[in-house]
């Protein structure tokens, strides 16, 4: 089943990239002369996404201004959060936007390149085939540009994900996932983490993943971000 709508998470404070984020929200920081936010949108458009929701809280006026500047180029809807709602709450707050169909939720602090497209298409196919409730796009920990990042999940029986002890998890979540709206419908509109949704899906054996082979560039902190500025990551 094709997916046409996505939520880009852009409400966070970006504390690990201070002082840059004291005046600019992290999604609007640039790498190779393009904002992380627009880079994310371009990647999703190549996958086939037609309409984009963006949640906003910290320095939200700048996110709104971005949407106004690009309104003739992209179909953007902003969901402003008066109080920050967390990753799960941000999804719940924008749920009606997805019209009760499967949708993508994606972080804007990963540098998304065309190399991820085939893996995301594979994830979507597996999602349908296995009637999954949550699907995560993963990379192997050894492919992380930032060697300090720890693993999030393990996979013993493809494509099912589960958690081991942190030191035993070999897979890192890239920041891109597919969700079935059933996982959100029964949630209250409050601040909560998407990890609650993941744990529920794991308990039901309905959490799957696809592992991408490319290098994982993630704007983890100021030191890593400054390194990105010196290398040619985005075409």
Protein backbone atom coordinates (compact mmCIF):
# COMPACT_ATOMS: atom_id res chain seq x y z
CA UNK A 1 0.00 0.00 0.00
CA UNK A 2 1.41 3.37 -0.95
CA UNK A 3 1.88 5.98 1.77
CA UNK A 4 1.09 9.59 0.90
CA UNK A 5 1.34 11.49 4.20
CA UNK A 6 4.12 12.02 6.73
CA UNK A 7 4.84 13.86 9.95
CA UNK A 8 8.21 15.56 10.38
CA UNK A 9 9.13 15.98 14.04
CA UNK A 10 10.45 19.52 14.53
CA UNK A 11 9.29 20.60 17.99
CA UNK A 12 12.35 19.79 20.11
CA UNK A 13 14.75 22.18 21.81
CA UNK A 14 17.97 20.93 20.17
CA UNK A 15 19.90 21.42 23.39
CA UNK A 16 22.87 19.33 22.25
CA UNK A 17 23.49 21.77 19.40
CA UNK A 18 23.64 24.89 21.53
CA UNK A 19 24.60 27.68 21.07
CA UNK A 20 23.45 27.35 17.43
CA UNK A 21 19.98 26.38 18.54
CA UNK A 22 19.67 29.31 20.91
CA UNK A 23 18.44 31.36 17.96
CA UNK A 24 17.65 28.75 15.28
CA UNK A 25 15.55 25.60 15.69
CA UNK A 26 17.57 22.50 14.86
CA UNK A 27 15.50 21.57 11.77
CA UNK A 28 16.47 24.90 10.18
CA UNK A 29 20.21 24.42 10.60
CA UNK A 30 21.93 23.90 7.26
CA UNK A 31 24.20 21.22 5.85
CA UNK A 32 25.65 21.76 2.37
CA UNK A 33 23.51 24.93 2.04
CA UNK A 34 20.15 23.22 2.65
CA UNK A 35 18.20 23.08 5.89
CA UNK A 36 17.79 19.74 7.59
CA UNK A 37 14.03 20.25 7.30
CA UNK A 38 13.95 20.77 3.55
CA UNK A 39 16.40 17.91 3.05
CA UNK A 40 13.90 15.68 4.88
CA UNK A 41 11.02 16.90 2.73
CA UNK A 42 12.95 16.29 -0.49
CA UNK A 43 13.77 12.75 0.61
CA UNK A 44 10.14 12.00 1.43
CA UNK A 45 8.94 13.44 -1.89
CA UNK A 46 11.29 11.06 -3.71
CA UNK A 47 9.68 8.22 -1.78
CA UNK A 48 6.23 9.38 -2.87
CA UNK A 49 4.92 11.47 0.02
CA UNK A 50 2.53 14.18 -1.17
CA UNK A 51 1.44 15.95 2.02
CA UNK A 52 3.56 16.86 5.01
CA UNK A 53 2.69 17.66 8.61
CA UNK A 54 5.32 19.40 10.73
CA UNK A 55 4.96 19.75 14.49
CA UNK A 56 6.46 22.85 16.08
CA UNK A 57 7.02 24.21 19.57
CA UNK A 58 10.47 25.67 20.24
CA UNK A 59 11.04 28.79 18.11
CA UNK A 60 7.90 27.73 16.27
CA UNK A 61 7.50 31.06 14.47
CA UNK A 62 10.57 30.21 12.39
CA UNK A 63 9.06 26.84 11.40
CA UNK A 64 5.84 28.63 10.44
CA UNK A 65 7.82 31.16 8.38
CA UNK A 66 9.57 28.28 6.59
CA UNK A 67 6.19 26.77 5.69
CA UNK A 68 4.97 30.09 4.34
CA UNK A 69 8.09 30.52 2.21
CA UNK A 70 7.69 27.06 0.69
CA UNK A 71 3.88 26.85 0.50
CA UNK A 72 3.92 26.97 -3.31
CA UNK A 73 6.50 24.20 -3.51
CA UNK A 74 5.38 21.72 -0.84
CA UNK A 75 2.03 20.80 0.70
CA UNK A 76 2.79 21.65 4.35
CA UNK A 77 0.57 21.73 7.45
CA UNK A 78 1.96 23.00 10.75
CA UNK A 79 0.79 21.64 14.10
CA UNK A 80 1.90 24.10 16.78
CA UNK A 81 2.17 22.71 20.29
CA UNK A 82 1.52 25.25 23.06
CA UNK A 83 3.22 22.84 25.43
CA UNK A 84 5.69 20.32 24.09
CA UNK A 85 4.02 16.94 23.66
CA UNK A 86 6.97 14.59 23.17
CA UNK A 87 7.44 12.25 20.23
CA UNK A 88 4.30 10.24 20.94
CA UNK A 89 2.14 13.20 21.88
CA UNK A 90 3.21 15.06 18.75
CA UNK A 91 2.03 12.14 16.62
CA UNK A 92 -1.27 11.92 18.52
CA UNK A 93 -1.85 15.66 18.15
CA UNK A 94 -1.65 15.42 14.35
CA UNK A 95 -3.49 12.08 13.96
CA UNK A 96 -6.48 13.38 11.98
CA UNK A 97 -4.08 14.59 9.28
CA UNK A 98 -3.40 10.98 8.27
CA UNK A 99 -7.01 10.13 7.41
CA UNK A 100 -6.85 6.77 9.19
CA UNK A 101 -4.20 5.46 6.79
CA UNK A 102 -0.66 4.23 7.42
CA UNK A 103 1.81 7.11 7.61
CA UNK A 104 5.48 7.95 8.08
CA UNK A 105 6.96 9.74 11.07
CA UNK A 106 10.48 11.04 10.55
CA UNK A 107 13.12 13.00 12.44
CA UNK A 108 14.72 15.94 10.68
CA UNK A 109 18.12 15.63 12.37
CA UNK A 110 19.22 12.67 10.24
CA UNK A 111 20.84 13.57 6.91
CA UNK A 112 18.49 11.79 4.51
CA UNK A 113 19.93 10.74 1.15
CA UNK A 114 18.68 8.67 -1.79
CA UNK A 115 20.59 5.70 -0.37
CA UNK A 116 17.76 5.21 2.12
CA UNK A 117 15.01 4.97 -0.50
CA UNK A 118 15.34 1.30 -1.39
CA UNK A 119 15.39 0.30 2.28
CA UNK A 120 12.32 2.42 3.03
CA UNK A 121 10.46 0.84 0.10
CA UNK A 122 11.44 -2.57 1.43
CA UNK A 123 10.18 -1.60 4.88
CA UNK A 124 6.84 -0.53 3.42
CA UNK A 125 6.47 -3.85 1.57
CA UNK A 126 7.28 -5.82 4.72
CA UNK A 127 4.88 -3.66 6.71
CA UNK A 128 2.01 -4.69 4.44
CA UNK A 129 3.07 -8.33 4.12
CA UNK A 130 3.41 -8.93 7.86
CA UNK A 131 0.42 -6.73 8.81
CA UNK A 132 2.74 -4.82 11.11
CA UNK A 133 1.74 -2.01 13.44
CA UNK A 134 5.16 -0.31 13.60
CA UNK A 135 8.05 -0.46 11.13
CA UNK A 136 11.45 1.10 11.78
CA UNK A 137 14.20 1.95 9.32
CA UNK A 138 17.46 0.80 10.91
CA UNK A 139 21.22 0.86 10.32
CA UNK A 140 23.92 -1.35 11.75
CA UNK A 141 25.78 0.31 14.60
CA UNK A 142 29.08 -0.18 12.77
CA UNK A 143 27.79 2.13 10.00
CA UNK A 144 27.23 5.11 12.26
CA UNK A 145 29.37 8.15 11.48
CA UNK A 146 29.20 8.95 15.18
CA UNK A 147 30.94 6.01 16.88
CA UNK A 148 29.50 6.97 20.28
CA UNK A 149 25.92 6.10 19.33
CA UNK A 150 24.60 2.95 20.99
CA UNK A 151 22.29 0.35 19.50
CA UNK A 152 18.52 0.52 20.00
CA UNK A 153 17.22 -2.87 18.83
CA UNK A 154 18.12 -6.38 17.79
CA UNK A 155 16.76 -8.66 15.09
CA UNK A 156 17.14 -12.44 15.33
CA UNK A 157 14.27 -13.41 13.06
CA UNK A 158 13.91 -11.07 10.09
CA UNK A 159 12.04 -8.69 10.15
CA UNK A 160 10.96 -8.66 13.83
CA UNK A 161 12.61 -6.23 16.23
CA UNK A 162 13.09 -6.52 19.98
CA UNK A 163 15.25 -4.98 22.70
CA UNK A 164 18.20 -6.61 24.39
CA UNK A 165 20.59 -5.09 26.89
CA UNK A 166 21.91 -1.84 25.45
CA UNK A 167 25.40 -3.23 24.82
CA UNK A 168 23.92 -6.16 22.88
CA UNK A 169 21.71 -4.16 20.53
CA UNK A 170 23.45 -3.91 17.14
CA UNK A 171 20.87 -1.84 15.27
CA UNK A 172 20.36 1.93 15.47
CA UNK A 173 17.01 3.55 14.72
CA UNK A 174 17.56 6.07 11.91
CA UNK A 175 14.61 8.28 12.80
CA UNK A 176 12.17 7.07 10.12
CA UNK A 177 9.20 4.85 10.90
CA UNK A 178 5.89 3.68 9.47
CA UNK A 179 2.90 3.60 11.79
CA UNK A 180 -0.54 2.07 11.63
CA UNK A 181 -3.01 4.63 13.09
CA UNK A 182 -4.47 1.87 15.29
CA UNK A 183 -1.44 2.36 17.54
CA UNK A 184 -2.40 5.99 18.22
CA UNK A 185 -6.20 6.01 18.24
CA UNK A 186 -6.48 4.96 21.87
CA UNK A 187 -3.84 7.36 23.19
CA UNK A 188 -4.63 10.53 25.11
CA UNK A 189 -3.58 13.85 23.63
CA UNK A 190 -0.78 14.49 26.16
CA UNK A 191 2.99 14.45 26.47
CA UNK A 192 4.32 10.91 25.99
CA UNK A 193 7.12 9.10 24.19
CA UNK A 194 6.79 7.06 21.03
CA UNK A 195 8.63 4.34 22.96
CA UNK A 196 5.29 3.49 24.57
CA UNK A 197 3.93 2.66 21.12
CA UNK A 198 7.01 0.63 20.24
CA UNK A 199 6.83 -1.44 23.42
CA UNK A 200 3.18 -2.21 22.78
CA UNK A 201 3.95 -3.31 19.21
CA UNK A 202 6.83 -5.52 20.39
CA UNK A 203 4.52 -7.20 22.92
CA UNK A 204 2.12 -8.00 20.08
CA UNK A 205 4.98 -9.20 17.82
CA UNK A 206 3.97 -6.50 15.34
CA UNK A 207 7.17 -4.41 15.28
CA UNK A 208 9.35 -4.92 12.23
CA UNK A 209 12.44 -3.35 10.72
CA UNK A 210 14.56 -3.07 7.60
CA UNK A 211 18.30 -2.47 7.84
CA UNK A 212 19.84 0.05 5.44
CA UNK A 213 23.48 -0.47 4.46
CA UNK A 214 24.53 3.17 4.11
CA UNK A 215 26.47 5.38 6.52
CA UNK A 216 24.25 6.94 9.19
CA UNK A 217 24.79 10.70 9.51
CA UNK A 218 22.90 12.08 12.49
CA UNK A 219 23.27 15.58 13.95
CA UNK A 220 23.78 14.21 17.44
CA UNK A 221 25.63 17.17 18.93
CA UNK A 222 27.57 20.30 18.03
CA UNK A 223 30.85 18.47 17.44
CA UNK A 224 29.31 16.04 14.95
CA UNK A 225 27.33 18.79 13.21
CA UNK A 226 30.46 20.87 12.65
CA UNK A 227 32.11 17.85 11.02
CA UNK A 228 29.15 17.57 8.65
CA UNK A 229 29.77 21.12 7.47
CA UNK A 230 33.20 20.07 6.15
CA UNK A 231 32.13 17.02 4.11
CA UNK A 232 29.94 16.61 1.04
CA UNK A 233 27.00 14.57 2.30
CA UNK A 234 24.00 15.88 0.36
CA UNK A 235 23.99 15.84 -3.44
